[in-house]
Amino acid sequence: MPEMYPIFLRLEKRPVLVVGAGVVAARKIDALLAAGAEVYVIAPEVSPEVAALAEQGKVSLEQRPFRRNDCDGAFLVIAATGDGAVNRAVRDEAERLGLLVNSVDDPANCNFYVPAQ
């Protein structure tokens, strides 16, 4: 496998899609918000932490399963579902659109990695 190419991204005012809204997703969302990203969350089930962020207007939230065109308009995509099939669908859609995608704790479904947070 070739070496990885390190990168830092400016996410301020960039749309980032997070698929999943559990405890792990909440940690990723916090880091994205700290970087200034505009975070959009899609998940059928939502943790209290993510629900609170939505209620405070810090993230946009759609409580439903992931759909094929959900990555449209995103700059970056994070899959944090814990479900390999959903993560794979998210990766496939993001890559179809030429987007960077990270699947938390699922390296087979990533085209970049994020250090543990």
PDB file of N, CA and C in Angstrom:
ATOM      1  N   MET A   1       0.846  -1.183   0.000  1.00  0.00           N
ATOM      2  CA  MET A   1       0.000   0.000   0.000  1.00  0.00           C
ATOM      3  C   MET A   1       0.893   1.248   0.000  1.00  0.00           C
ATOM      4  N   PRO A   2       0.580   2.239  -0.836  1.00  0.00           N
ATOM      5  CA  PRO A   2       1.370   3.469  -0.861  1.00  0.00           C
ATOM      6  C   PRO A   2       1.244   4.244   0.449  1.00  0.00           C
ATOM      7  N   GLU A   3       2.175   5.149   0.661  1.00  0.00           N
ATOM      8  CA  GLU A   3       2.130   5.998   1.847  1.00  0.00           C
ATOM      9  C   GLU A   3       0.878   6.875   1.824  1.00  0.00           C
ATOM     10  N   MET A   4       0.444   7.267   3.019  1.00  0.00           N
ATOM     11  CA  MET A   4      -0.681   8.194   3.131  1.00  0.00           C
ATOM     12  C   MET A   4      -0.153   9.620   2.947  1.00  0.00           C
ATOM     13  N   TYR A   5      -0.993  10.489   2.416  1.00  0.00           N
ATOM     14  CA  TYR A   5      -0.644  11.886   2.201  1.00  0.00           C
ATOM     15  C   TYR A   5      -1.346  12.718   3.271  1.00  0.00           C
ATOM     16  N   PRO A   6      -0.596  13.324   4.205  1.00  0.00           N
ATOM     17  CA  PRO A   6      -1.234  14.083   5.288  1.00  0.00           C
ATOM     18  C   PRO A   6      -1.871  15.362   4.761  1.00  0.00           C
ATOM     19  N   ILE A   7      -2.966  15.754   5.400  1.00  0.00           N
ATOM     20  CA  ILE A   7      -3.707  16.932   4.939  1.00  0.00           C
ATOM     21  C   ILE A   7      -4.466  17.559   6.113  1.00  0.00           C
ATOM     22  N   PHE A   8      -4.590  18.865   6.106  1.00  0.00           N
ATOM     23  CA  PHE A   8      -5.444  19.592   7.041  1.00  0.00           C
ATOM     24  C   PHE A   8      -6.458  20.343   6.196  1.00  0.00           C
ATOM     25  N   LEU A   9      -7.712  20.293   6.569  1.00  0.00           N
ATOM     26  CA  LEU A   9      -8.774  20.914   5.781  1.00  0.00           C
ATOM     27  C   LEU A   9      -9.333  22.138   6.476  1.00  0.00           C
ATOM     28  N   ARG A  10      -9.581  23.185   5.728  1.00  0.00           N
ATOM     29  CA  ARG A  10     -10.321  24.349   6.223  1.00  0.00           C
ATOM     30  C   ARG A  10     -11.800  24.035   5.996  1.00  0.00           C
ATOM     31  N   LEU A  11     -12.526  23.909   7.069  1.00  0.00           N
ATOM     32  CA  LEU A  11     -13.942  23.544   6.959  1.00  0.00           C
ATOM     33  C   LEU A  11     -14.887  24.695   7.274  1.00  0.00           C
ATOM     34  N   GLU A  12     -14.346  25.855   7.609  1.00  0.00           N
ATOM     35  CA  GLU A  12     -15.199  26.982   7.964  1.00  0.00           C
ATOM     36  C   GLU A  12     -16.201  27.276   6.849  1.00  0.00           C
ATOM     37  N   LYS A  13     -17.484  27.255   7.232  1.00  0.00           N
ATOM     38  CA  LYS A  13     -18.614  27.529   6.335  1.00  0.00           C
ATOM     39  C   LYS A  13     -18.742  26.512   5.206  1.00  0.00           C
ATOM     40  N   ARG A  14     -18.117  25.360   5.356  1.00  0.00           N
ATOM     41  CA  ARG A  14     -18.241  24.289   4.359  1.00  0.00           C
ATOM     42  C   ARG A  14     -19.313  23.304   4.806  1.00  0.00           C
ATOM     43  N   PRO A  15     -20.144  22.827   3.880  1.00  0.00           N
ATOM     44  CA  PRO A  15     -21.166  21.841   4.243  1.00  0.00           C
ATOM     45  C   PRO A  15     -20.572  20.453   4.423  1.00  0.00           C
ATOM     46  N   VAL A  16     -20.806  19.891   5.601  1.00  0.00           N
ATOM     47  CA  VAL A  16     -20.324  18.544   5.912  1.00  0.00           C
ATOM     48  C   VAL A  16     -21.521  17.690   6.297  1.00  0.00           C
ATOM     49  N   LEU A  17     -21.668  16.566   5.633  1.00  0.00           N
ATOM     50  CA  LEU A  17     -22.736  15.613   5.931  1.00  0.00           C
ATOM     51  C   LEU A  17     -22.224  14.574   6.904  1.00  0.00           C
ATOM     52  N   VAL A  18     -22.965  14.361   7.981  1.00  0.00           N
ATOM     53  CA  VAL A  18     -22.689  13.281   8.920  1.00  0.00           C
ATOM     54  C   VAL A  18     -23.872  12.326   8.867  1.00  0.00           C
ATOM     55  N   VAL A  19     -23.608  11.081   8.527  1.00  0.00           N
ATOM     56  CA  VAL A  19     -24.650  10.061   8.503  1.00  0.00           C
ATOM     57  C   VAL A  19     -24.481   9.234   9.771  1.00  0.00           C
ATOM     58  N   GLY A  20     -25.457   9.327  10.641  1.00  0.00           N
ATOM     59  CA  GLY A  20     -25.400   8.697  11.954  1.00  0.00           C
ATOM     60  C   GLY A  20     -25.510   9.774  13.015  1.00  0.00           C
ATOM     61  N   ALA A  21     -26.103   9.425  14.146  1.00  0.00           N
ATOM     62  CA  ALA A  21     -26.315  10.428  15.192  1.00  0.00           C
ATOM     63  C   ALA A  21     -26.195   9.829  16.582  1.00  0.00           C
ATOM     64  N   GLY A  22     -25.301   8.857  16.718  1.00  0.00           N
ATOM     65  CA  GLY A  22     -25.072   8.244  18.022  1.00  0.00           C
ATOM     66  C   GLY A  22     -23.988   8.981  18.788  1.00  0.00           C
ATOM     67  N   VAL A  23     -23.466   8.335  19.810  1.00  0.00           N
ATOM     68  CA  VAL A  23     -22.448   8.940  20.676  1.00  0.00           C
ATOM     69  C   VAL A  23     -21.166   9.225  19.895  1.00  0.00           C
ATOM     70  N   VAL A  24     -20.733   8.290  19.055  1.00  0.00           N
ATOM     71  CA  VAL A  24     -19.521   8.495  18.263  1.00  0.00           C
ATOM     72  C   VAL A  24     -19.727   9.632  17.265  1.00  0.00           C
ATOM     73  N   ALA A  25     -20.861   9.661  16.612  1.00  0.00           N
ATOM     74  CA  ALA A  25     -21.166  10.744  15.681  1.00  0.00           C
ATOM     75  C   ALA A  25     -21.149  12.083  16.404  1.00  0.00           C
ATOM     76  N   ALA A  26     -21.656  12.130  17.617  1.00  0.00           N
ATOM     77  CA  ALA A  26     -21.686  13.376  18.387  1.00  0.00           C
ATOM     78  C   ALA A  26     -20.276  13.919  18.593  1.00  0.00           C
ATOM     79  N   ARG A  27     -19.311  13.039  18.867  1.00  0.00           N
ATOM     80  CA  ARG A  27     -17.913  13.485  19.028  1.00  0.00           C
ATOM     81  C   ARG A  27     -17.374  14.064  17.722  1.00  0.00           C
ATOM     82  N   LYS A  28     -17.675  13.405  16.618  1.00  0.00           N
ATOM     83  CA  LYS A  28     -17.226  13.903  15.315  1.00  0.00           C
ATOM     84  C   LYS A  28     -17.893  15.243  14.997  1.00  0.00           C
ATOM     85  N   ILE A  29     -19.173  15.349  15.296  1.00  0.00           N
ATOM     86  CA  ILE A  29     -19.906  16.591  15.044  1.00  0.00           C
ATOM     87  C   ILE A  29     -19.304  17.730  15.860  1.00  0.00           C
ATOM     88  N   ASP A  30     -18.986  17.490  17.123  1.00  0.00           N
ATOM     89  CA  ASP A  30     -18.363  18.524  17.958  1.00  0.00           C
ATOM     90  C   ASP A  30     -17.074  19.039  17.319  1.00  0.00           C
ATOM     91  N   ALA A  31     -16.243  18.130  16.819  1.00  0.00           N
ATOM     92  CA  ALA A  31     -14.981  18.523  16.192  1.00  0.00           C
ATOM     93  C   ALA A  31     -15.237  19.311  14.902  1.00  0.00           C
ATOM     94  N   LEU A  32     -16.227  18.893  14.130  1.00  0.00           N
ATOM     95  CA  LEU A  32     -16.567  19.605  12.896  1.00  0.00           C
ATOM     96  C   LEU A  32     -17.081  21.005  13.194  1.00  0.00           C
ATOM     97  N   LEU A  33     -17.916  21.133  14.220  1.00  0.00           N
ATOM     98  CA  LEU A  33     -18.424  22.452  14.608  1.00  0.00           C
ATOM     99  C   LEU A  33     -17.280  23.349  15.082  1.00  0.00           C
ATOM    100  N   ALA A  34     -16.342  22.786  15.830  1.00  0.00           N
ATOM    101  CA  ALA A  34     -15.191  23.555  16.293  1.00  0.00           C
ATOM    102  C   ALA A  34     -14.357  24.063  15.118  1.00  0.00           C
ATOM    103  N   ALA A  35     -14.371  23.322  14.003  1.00  0.00           N
ATOM    104  CA  ALA A  35     -13.652  23.728  12.797  1.00  0.00           C
ATOM    105  C   ALA A  35     -14.465  24.699  11.943  1.00  0.00           C
ATOM    106  N   GLY A  36     -15.682  25.021  12.380  1.00  0.00           N
ATOM    107  CA  GLY A  36     -16.504  25.994  11.660  1.00  0.00           C
ATOM    108  C   GLY A  36     -17.364  25.418  10.554  1.00  0.00           C
ATOM    109  N   ALA A  37     -17.457  24.097  10.466  1.00  0.00           N
ATOM    110  CA  ALA A  37     -18.248  23.464   9.410  1.00  0.00           C
ATOM    111  C   ALA A  37     -19.741  23.701   9.627  1.00  0.00           C
ATOM    112  N   GLU A  38     -20.479  23.703   8.531  1.00  0.00           N
ATOM    113  CA  GLU A  38     -21.940  23.690   8.562  1.00  0.00           C
ATOM    114  C   GLU A  38     -22.338  22.221   8.495  1.00  0.00           C
ATOM    115  N   VAL A  39     -22.845  21.698   9.594  1.00  0.00           N
ATOM    116  CA  VAL A  39     -23.048  20.257   9.724  1.00  0.00           C
ATOM    117  C   VAL A  39     -24.507  19.894   9.482  1.00  0.00           C
ATOM    118  N   TYR A  40     -24.678  18.917   8.604  1.00  0.00           N
ATOM    119  CA  TYR A  40     -25.980  18.343   8.281  1.00  0.00           C
ATOM    120  C   TYR A  40     -25.943  16.885   8.722  1.00  0.00           C
ATOM    121  N   VAL A  41     -26.934  16.476   9.495  1.00  0.00           N
ATOM    122  CA  VAL A  41     -26.954  15.122  10.053  1.00  0.00           C
ATOM    123  C   VAL A  41     -28.181  14.383   9.524  1.00  0.00           C
ATOM    124  N   ILE A  42     -27.966  13.152   9.102  1.00  0.00           N
ATOM    125  CA  ILE A  42     -29.053  12.270   8.672  1.00  0.00           C
ATOM    126  C   ILE A  42     -28.920  10.971   9.445  1.00  0.00           C
ATOM    127  N   ALA A  43     -29.980  10.580  10.140  1.00  0.00           N
ATOM    128  CA  ALA A  43     -29.962   9.328  10.899  1.00  0.00           C
ATOM    129  C   ALA A  43     -31.385   8.964  11.300  1.00  0.00           C
ATOM    130  N   PRO A  44     -31.709   7.674  11.283  1.00  0.00           N
ATOM    131  CA  PRO A  44     -33.051   7.269  11.713  1.00  0.00           C
ATOM    132  C   PRO A  44     -33.235   7.360  13.226  1.00  0.00           C
ATOM    133  N   GLU A  45     -32.141   7.190  13.971  1.00  0.00           N
ATOM    134  CA  GLU A  45     -32.193   7.296  15.432  1.00  0.00           C
ATOM    135  C   GLU A  45     -31.179   8.342  15.860  1.00  0.00           C
ATOM    136  N   VAL A  46     -31.556   9.154  16.858  1.00  0.00           N
ATOM    137  CA  VAL A  46     -30.732  10.296  17.244  1.00  0.00           C
ATOM    138  C   VAL A  46     -30.459  10.260  18.742  1.00  0.00           C
ATOM    139  N   SER A  47     -29.179  10.386  19.108  1.00  0.00           N
ATOM    140  CA  SER A  47     -28.799  10.433  20.519  1.00  0.00           C
ATOM    141  C   SER A  47     -29.240  11.764  21.126  1.00  0.00           C
ATOM    142  N   PRO A  48     -29.383  11.813  22.436  1.00  0.00           N
ATOM    143  CA  PRO A  48     -29.744  13.077  23.089  1.00  0.00           C
ATOM    144  C   PRO A  48     -28.737  14.193  22.793  1.00  0.00           C
ATOM    145  N   GLU A  49     -27.451  13.847  22.678  1.00  0.00           N
ATOM    146  CA  GLU A  49     -26.429  14.856  22.402  1.00  0.00           C
ATOM    147  C   GLU A  49     -26.659  15.525  21.045  1.00  0.00           C
ATOM    148  N   VAL A  50     -26.932  14.718  20.029  1.00  0.00           N
ATOM    149  CA  VAL A  50     -27.140  15.262  18.687  1.00  0.00           C
ATOM    150  C   VAL A  50     -28.490  15.985  18.622  1.00  0.00           C
ATOM    151  N   ALA A  51     -29.496  15.445  19.273  1.00  0.00           N
ATOM    152  CA  ALA A  51     -30.804  16.119  19.315  1.00  0.00           C
ATOM    153  C   ALA A  51     -30.668  17.504  19.934  1.00  0.00           C
ATOM    154  N   ALA A  52     -29.867  17.611  20.992  1.00  0.00           N
ATOM    155  CA  ALA A  52     -29.661  18.906  21.643  1.00  0.00           C
ATOM    156  C   ALA A  52     -28.971  19.890  20.700  1.00  0.00           C
ATOM    157  N   LEU A  53     -27.988  19.426  19.945  1.00  0.00           N
ATOM    158  CA  LEU A  53     -27.315  20.299  18.985  1.00  0.00           C
ATOM    159  C   LEU A  53     -28.293  20.809  17.930  1.00  0.00           C
ATOM    160  N   ALA A  54     -29.201  19.946  17.493  1.00  0.00           N
ATOM    161  CA  ALA A  54     -30.208  20.347  16.510  1.00  0.00           C
ATOM    162  C   ALA A  54     -31.181  21.357  17.122  1.00  0.00           C
ATOM    163  N   GLU A  55     -31.618  21.106  18.343  1.00  0.00           N
ATOM    164  CA  GLU A  55     -32.542  22.017  19.018  1.00  0.00           C
ATOM    165  C   GLU A  55     -31.917  23.392  19.223  1.00  0.00           C
ATOM    166  N   GLN A  56     -30.592  23.422  19.429  1.00  0.00           N
ATOM    167  CA  GLN A  56     -29.869  24.690  19.617  1.00  0.00           C
ATOM    168  C   GLN A  56     -29.553  25.372  18.288  1.00  0.00           C
ATOM    169  N   GLY A  57     -29.900  24.720  17.167  1.00  0.00           N
ATOM    170  CA  GLY A  57     -29.641  25.293  15.856  1.00  0.00           C
ATOM    171  C   GLY A  57     -28.194  25.182  15.406  1.00  0.00           C
ATOM    172  N   LYS A  58     -27.411  24.329  16.062  1.00  0.00           N
ATOM    173  CA  LYS A  58     -25.997  24.175  15.703  1.00  0.00           C
ATOM    174  C   LYS A  58     -25.802  23.233  14.529  1.00  0.00           C
ATOM    175  N   VAL A  59     -26.743  22.308  14.318  1.00  0.00           N
ATOM    176  CA  VAL A  59     -26.705  21.380  13.183  1.00  0.00           C
ATOM    177  C   VAL A  59     -28.098  21.298  12.570  1.00  0.00           C
ATOM    178  N   SER A  60     -28.137  20.922  11.305  1.00  0.00           N
ATOM    179  CA  SER A  60     -29.406  20.595  10.654  1.00  0.00           C
ATOM    180  C   SER A  60     -29.577  19.093  10.769  1.00  0.00           C
ATOM    181  N   LEU A  61     -30.778  18.641  11.066  1.00  0.00           N
ATOM    182  CA  LEU A  61     -31.018  17.224  11.317  1.00  0.00           C
ATOM    183  C   LEU A  61     -32.233  16.742  10.553  1.00  0.00           C
ATOM    184  N   GLU A  62     -32.055  15.612   9.865  1.00  0.00           N
ATOM    185  CA  GLU A  62     -33.175  14.898   9.253  1.00  0.00           C
ATOM    186  C   GLU A  62     -33.183  13.508   9.854  1.00  0.00           C
ATOM    187  N   GLN A  63     -34.250  13.185  10.542  1.00  0.00           N
ATOM    188  CA  GLN A  63     -34.353  11.879  11.197  1.00  0.00           C
ATOM    189  C   GLN A  63     -34.997  10.893  10.238  1.00  0.00           C
ATOM    190  N   ARG A  64     -34.122  10.187   9.505  1.00  0.00           N
ATOM    191  CA  ARG A  64     -34.542   9.208   8.506  1.00  0.00           C
ATOM    192  C   ARG A  64     -33.328   8.438   8.034  1.00  0.00           C
ATOM    193  N   PRO A  65     -33.531   7.327   7.316  1.00  0.00           N
ATOM    194  CA  PRO A  65     -32.389   6.587   6.769  1.00  0.00           C
ATOM    195  C   PRO A  65     -31.675   7.360   5.652  1.00  0.00           C
ATOM    196  N   PHE A  66     -30.419   7.010   5.408  1.00  0.00           N
ATOM    197  CA  PHE A  66     -29.628   7.572   4.320  1.00  0.00           C
ATOM    198  C   PHE A  66     -30.243   7.198   2.982  1.00  0.00           C
ATOM    199  N   ARG A  67     -30.215   8.169   2.034  1.00  0.00           N
ATOM    200  CA  ARG A  67     -30.682   7.932   0.668  1.00  0.00           C
ATOM    201  C   ARG A  67     -29.594   8.298  -0.330  1.00  0.00           C
ATOM    202  N   ARG A  68     -29.700   7.756  -1.490  1.00  0.00           N
ATOM    203  CA  ARG A  68     -28.668   7.880  -2.529  1.00  0.00           C
ATOM    204  C   ARG A  68     -28.188   9.308  -2.769  1.00  0.00           C
ATOM    205  N   ASN A  69     -29.028  10.283  -2.867  1.00  0.00           N
ATOM    206  CA  ASN A  69     -28.614  11.642  -3.229  1.00  0.00           C
ATOM    207  C   ASN A  69     -28.291  12.531  -2.035  1.00  0.00           C
ATOM    208  N   ASP A  70     -28.180  11.965  -0.845  1.00  0.00           N
ATOM    209  CA  ASP A  70     -27.951  12.773   0.347  1.00  0.00           C
ATOM    210  C   ASP A  70     -26.592  13.464   0.370  1.00  0.00           C
ATOM    211  N   CYS A  71     -25.628  12.981  -0.381  1.00  0.00           N
ATOM    212  CA  CYS A  71     -24.296  13.589  -0.395  1.00  0.00           C
ATOM    213  C   CYS A  71     -24.217  14.806  -1.319  1.00  0.00           C
ATOM    214  N   ASP A  72     -25.242  15.022  -2.130  1.00  0.00           N
ATOM    215  CA  ASP A  72     -25.237  16.156  -3.047  1.00  0.00           C
ATOM    216  C   ASP A  72     -25.031  17.455  -2.273  1.00  0.00           C
ATOM    217  N   GLY A  73     -24.089  18.258  -2.712  1.00  0.00           N
ATOM    218  CA  GLY A  73     -23.831  19.549  -2.100  1.00  0.00           C
ATOM    219  C   GLY A  73     -22.863  19.521  -0.931  1.00  0.00           C
ATOM    220  N   ALA A  74     -22.462  18.346  -0.488  1.00  0.00           N
ATOM    221  CA  ALA A  74     -21.518  18.257   0.633  1.00  0.00           C
ATOM    222  C   ALA A  74     -20.098  18.517   0.147  1.00  0.00           C
ATOM    223  N   PHE A  75     -19.282  19.055   1.020  1.00  0.00           N
ATOM    224  CA  PHE A  75     -17.856  19.212   0.762  1.00  0.00           C
ATOM    225  C   PHE A  75     -17.096  17.994   1.277  1.00  0.00           C
ATOM    226  N   LEU A  76     -17.623  17.439   2.382  1.00  0.00           N
ATOM    227  CA  LEU A  76     -16.992  16.328   3.085  1.00  0.00           C
ATOM    228  C   LEU A  76     -18.101  15.464   3.662  1.00  0.00           C
ATOM    229  N   VAL A  77     -17.858  14.160   3.774  1.00  0.00           N
ATOM    230  CA  VAL A  77     -18.872  13.238   4.281  1.00  0.00           C
ATOM    231  C   VAL A  77     -18.259  12.358   5.367  1.00  0.00           C
ATOM    232  N   ILE A  78     -19.002  12.203   6.466  1.00  0.00           N
ATOM    233  CA  ILE A  78     -18.606  11.323   7.561  1.00  0.00           C
ATOM    234  C   ILE A  78     -19.725  10.300   7.760  1.00  0.00           C
ATOM    235  N   ALA A  79     -19.390   9.022   7.703  1.00  0.00           N
ATOM    236  CA  ALA A  79     -20.346   7.954   8.012  1.00  0.00           C
ATOM    237  C   ALA A  79     -20.028   7.455   9.409  1.00  0.00           C
ATOM    238  N   ALA A  80     -20.974   7.582  10.306  1.00  0.00           N
ATOM    239  CA  ALA A  80     -20.767   7.172  11.704  1.00  0.00           C
ATOM    240  C   ALA A  80     -21.958   6.353  12.168  1.00  0.00           C
ATOM    241  N   THR A  81     -22.246   5.301  11.418  1.00  0.00           N
ATOM    242  CA  THR A  81     -23.473   4.545  11.681  1.00  0.00           C
ATOM    243  C   THR A  81     -23.257   3.273  12.481  1.00  0.00           C
ATOM    244  N   GLY A  82     -22.059   2.702  12.433  1.00  0.00           N
ATOM    245  CA  GLY A  82     -21.855   1.401  13.051  1.00  0.00           C
ATOM    246  C   GLY A  82     -22.428   0.259  12.234  1.00  0.00           C
ATOM    247  N   ASP A  83     -22.949   0.553  11.061  1.00  0.00           N
ATOM    248  CA  ASP A  83     -23.541  -0.443  10.169  1.00  0.00           C
ATOM    249  C   ASP A  83     -22.730  -0.458   8.877  1.00  0.00           C
ATOM    250  N   GLY A  84     -21.977  -1.537   8.653  1.00  0.00           N
ATOM    251  CA  GLY A  84     -21.106  -1.621   7.489  1.00  0.00           C
ATOM    252  C   GLY A  84     -21.813  -1.426   6.165  1.00  0.00           C
ATOM    253  N   ALA A  85     -23.022  -1.944   6.036  1.00  0.00           N
ATOM    254  CA  ALA A  85     -23.762  -1.803   4.771  1.00  0.00           C
ATOM    255  C   ALA A  85     -24.133  -0.344   4.517  1.00  0.00           C
ATOM    256  N   VAL A  86     -24.554   0.357   5.548  1.00  0.00           N
ATOM    257  CA  VAL A  86     -24.891   1.778   5.387  1.00  0.00           C
ATOM    258  C   VAL A  86     -23.623   2.576   5.106  1.00  0.00           C
ATOM    259  N   ASN A  87     -22.550   2.296   5.853  1.00  0.00           N
ATOM    260  CA  ASN A  87     -21.285   2.993   5.612  1.00  0.00           C
ATOM    261  C   ASN A  87     -20.812   2.782   4.179  1.00  0.00           C
ATOM    262  N   ARG A  88     -20.958   1.576   3.664  1.00  0.00           N
ATOM    263  CA  ARG A  88     -20.566   1.273   2.287  1.00  0.00           C
ATOM    264  C   ARG A  88     -21.416   2.065   1.296  1.00  0.00           C
ATOM    265  N   ALA A  89     -22.714   2.168   1.551  1.00  0.00           N
ATOM    266  CA  ALA A  89     -23.594   2.941   0.672  1.00  0.00           C
ATOM    267  C   ALA A  89     -23.213   4.420   0.691  1.00  0.00           C
ATOM    268  N   VAL A  90     -22.877   4.927   1.876  1.00  0.00           N
ATOM    269  CA  VAL A  90     -22.455   6.322   1.996  1.00  0.00           C
ATOM    270  C   VAL A  90     -21.152   6.524   1.227  1.00  0.00           C
ATOM    271  N   ARG A  91     -20.179   5.608   1.430  1.00  0.00           N
ATOM    272  CA  ARG A  91     -18.910   5.705   0.714  1.00  0.00           C
ATOM    273  C   ARG A  91     -19.111   5.667  -0.793  1.00  0.00           C
ATOM    274  N   ASP A  92     -19.915   4.739  -1.256  1.00  0.00           N
ATOM    275  CA  ASP A  92     -20.144   4.612  -2.697  1.00  0.00           C
ATOM    276  C   ASP A  92     -20.737   5.889  -3.279  1.00  0.00           C
ATOM    277  N   GLU A  93     -21.707   6.466  -2.590  1.00  0.00           N
ATOM    278  CA  GLU A  93     -22.339   7.691  -3.078  1.00  0.00           C
ATOM    279  C   GLU A  93     -21.365   8.860  -3.036  1.00  0.00           C
ATOM    280  N   ALA A  94     -20.610   8.988  -1.954  1.00  0.00           N
ATOM    281  CA  ALA A  94     -19.645  10.082  -1.847  1.00  0.00           C
ATOM    282  C   ALA A  94     -18.573   9.958  -2.930  1.00  0.00           C
ATOM    283  N   GLU A  95     -18.061   8.765  -3.127  1.00  0.00           N
ATOM    284  CA  GLU A  95     -17.028   8.582  -4.150  1.00  0.00           C
ATOM    285  C   GLU A  95     -17.578   8.795  -5.554  1.00  0.00           C
ATOM    286  N   ARG A  96     -18.828   8.445  -5.781  1.00  0.00           N
ATOM    287  CA  ARG A  96     -19.451   8.701  -7.082  1.00  0.00           C
ATOM    288  C   ARG A  96     -19.427  10.193  -7.397  1.00  0.00           C
ATOM    289  N   LEU A  97     -19.544  11.009  -6.336  1.00  0.00           N
ATOM    290  CA  LEU A  97     -19.548  12.457  -6.502  1.00  0.00           C
ATOM    291  C   LEU A  97     -18.157  13.078  -6.364  1.00  0.00           C
ATOM    292  N   GLY A  98     -17.133  12.244  -6.144  1.00  0.00           N
ATOM    293  CA  GLY A  98     -15.777  12.751  -6.019  1.00  0.00           C
ATOM    294  C   GLY A  98     -15.492  13.421  -4.690  1.00  0.00           C
ATOM    295  N   LEU A  99     -16.199  13.006  -3.627  1.00  0.00           N
ATOM    296  CA  LEU A  99     -16.048  13.621  -2.310  1.00  0.00           C
ATOM    297  C   LEU A  99     -15.131  12.811  -1.409  1.00  0.00           C
ATOM    298  N   LEU A 100     -14.543  13.482  -0.439  1.00  0.00           N
ATOM    299  CA  LEU A 100     -13.820  12.790   0.613  1.00  0.00           C
ATOM    300  C   LEU A 100     -14.828  12.199   1.575  1.00  0.00           C
ATOM    301  N   VAL A 101     -14.576  10.953   1.995  1.00  0.00           N
ATOM    302  CA  VAL A 101     -15.500  10.279   2.913  1.00  0.00           C
ATOM    303  C   VAL A 101     -14.714   9.486   3.949  1.00  0.00           C
ATOM    304  N   ASN A 102     -15.136   9.637   5.197  1.00  0.00           N
ATOM    305  CA  ASN A 102     -14.569   8.873   6.296  1.00  0.00           C
ATOM    306  C   ASN A 102     -15.675   8.081   6.949  1.00  0.00           C
ATOM    307  N   SER A 103     -15.444   6.794   7.126  1.00  0.00           N
ATOM    308  CA  SER A 103     -16.367   5.939   7.865  1.00  0.00           C
ATOM    309  C   SER A 103     -15.702   5.611   9.192  1.00  0.00           C
ATOM    310  N   VAL A 104     -16.274   6.110  10.263  1.00  0.00           N
ATOM    311  CA  VAL A 104     -15.678   5.981  11.593  1.00  0.00           C
ATOM    312  C   VAL A 104     -15.482   4.508  11.952  1.00  0.00           C
ATOM    313  N   ASP A 105     -14.275   4.152  12.338  1.00  0.00           N
ATOM    314  CA  ASP A 105     -13.922   2.788  12.743  1.00  0.00           C
ATOM    315  C   ASP A 105     -14.230   1.751  11.670  1.00  0.00           C
ATOM    316  N   ASP A 106     -14.210   2.156  10.405  1.00  0.00           N
ATOM    317  CA  ASP A 106     -14.538   1.268   9.287  1.00  0.00           C
ATOM    318  C   ASP A 106     -13.618   1.616   8.109  1.00  0.00           C
ATOM    319  N   PRO A 107     -12.305   1.344   8.225  1.00  0.00           N
ATOM    320  CA  PRO A 107     -11.349   1.795   7.218  1.00  0.00           C
ATOM    321  C   PRO A 107     -11.618   1.304   5.802  1.00  0.00           C
ATOM    322  N   ALA A 108     -12.271   0.187   5.649  1.00  0.00           N
ATOM    323  CA  ALA A 108     -12.582  -0.305   4.304  1.00  0.00           C
ATOM    324  C   ALA A 108     -13.509   0.631   3.552  1.00  0.00           C
ATOM    325  N   ASN A 109     -14.251   1.456   4.289  1.00  0.00           N
ATOM    326  CA  ASN A 109     -15.211   2.361   3.665  1.00  0.00           C
ATOM    327  C   ASN A 109     -14.802   3.825   3.768  1.00  0.00           C
ATOM    328  N   CYS A 110     -13.486   4.067   3.746  1.00  0.00           N
ATOM    329  CA  CYS A 110     -12.924   5.429   3.817  1.00  0.00           C
ATOM    330  C   CYS A 110     -12.027   5.695   2.632  1.00  0.00           C
ATOM    331  N   ASN A 111     -11.906   6.956   2.264  1.00  0.00           N
ATOM    332  CA  ASN A 111     -10.812   7.337   1.395  1.00  0.00           C
ATOM    333  C   ASN A 111      -9.897   8.319   2.102  1.00  0.00           C
ATOM    334  N   PHE A 112     -10.175   8.586   3.414  1.00  0.00           N
ATOM    335  CA  PHE A 112      -9.242   9.292   4.278  1.00  0.00           C
ATOM    336  C   PHE A 112      -9.525   8.895   5.711  1.00  0.00           C
ATOM    337  N   TYR A 113      -8.546   9.129   6.583  1.00  0.00           N
ATOM    338  CA  TYR A 113      -8.684   8.767   7.988  1.00  0.00           C
ATOM    339  C   TYR A 113      -8.575  10.006   8.868  1.00  0.00           C
ATOM    340  N   VAL A 114      -9.209   9.937  10.033  1.00  0.00           N
ATOM    341  CA  VAL A 114      -9.178  11.016  11.008  1.00  0.00           C
ATOM    342  C   VAL A 114      -8.608  10.442  12.296  1.00  0.00           C
ATOM    343  N   PRO A 115      -7.679  11.154  12.939  1.00  0.00           N
ATOM    344  CA  PRO A 115      -7.171  10.661  14.223  1.00  0.00           C
ATOM    345  C   PRO A 115      -8.311  10.539  15.243  1.00  0.00           C
ATOM    346  N   ALA A 116      -8.154   9.664  16.197  1.00  0.00           N
ATOM    347  CA  ALA A 116      -9.177   9.467  17.243  1.00  0.00           C
ATOM    348  C   ALA A 116      -9.423  10.772  17.971  1.00  0.00           C
ATOM    349  N   GLN A 117     -10.708  11.008  18.284  1.00  0.00           N
ATOM    350  CA  GLN A 117     -11.087  12.229  19.004  1.00  0.00           C
ATOM    351  C   GLN A 117     -11.819  11.856  20.250  1.00  0.00           C
TER     352      GLN A 117
END
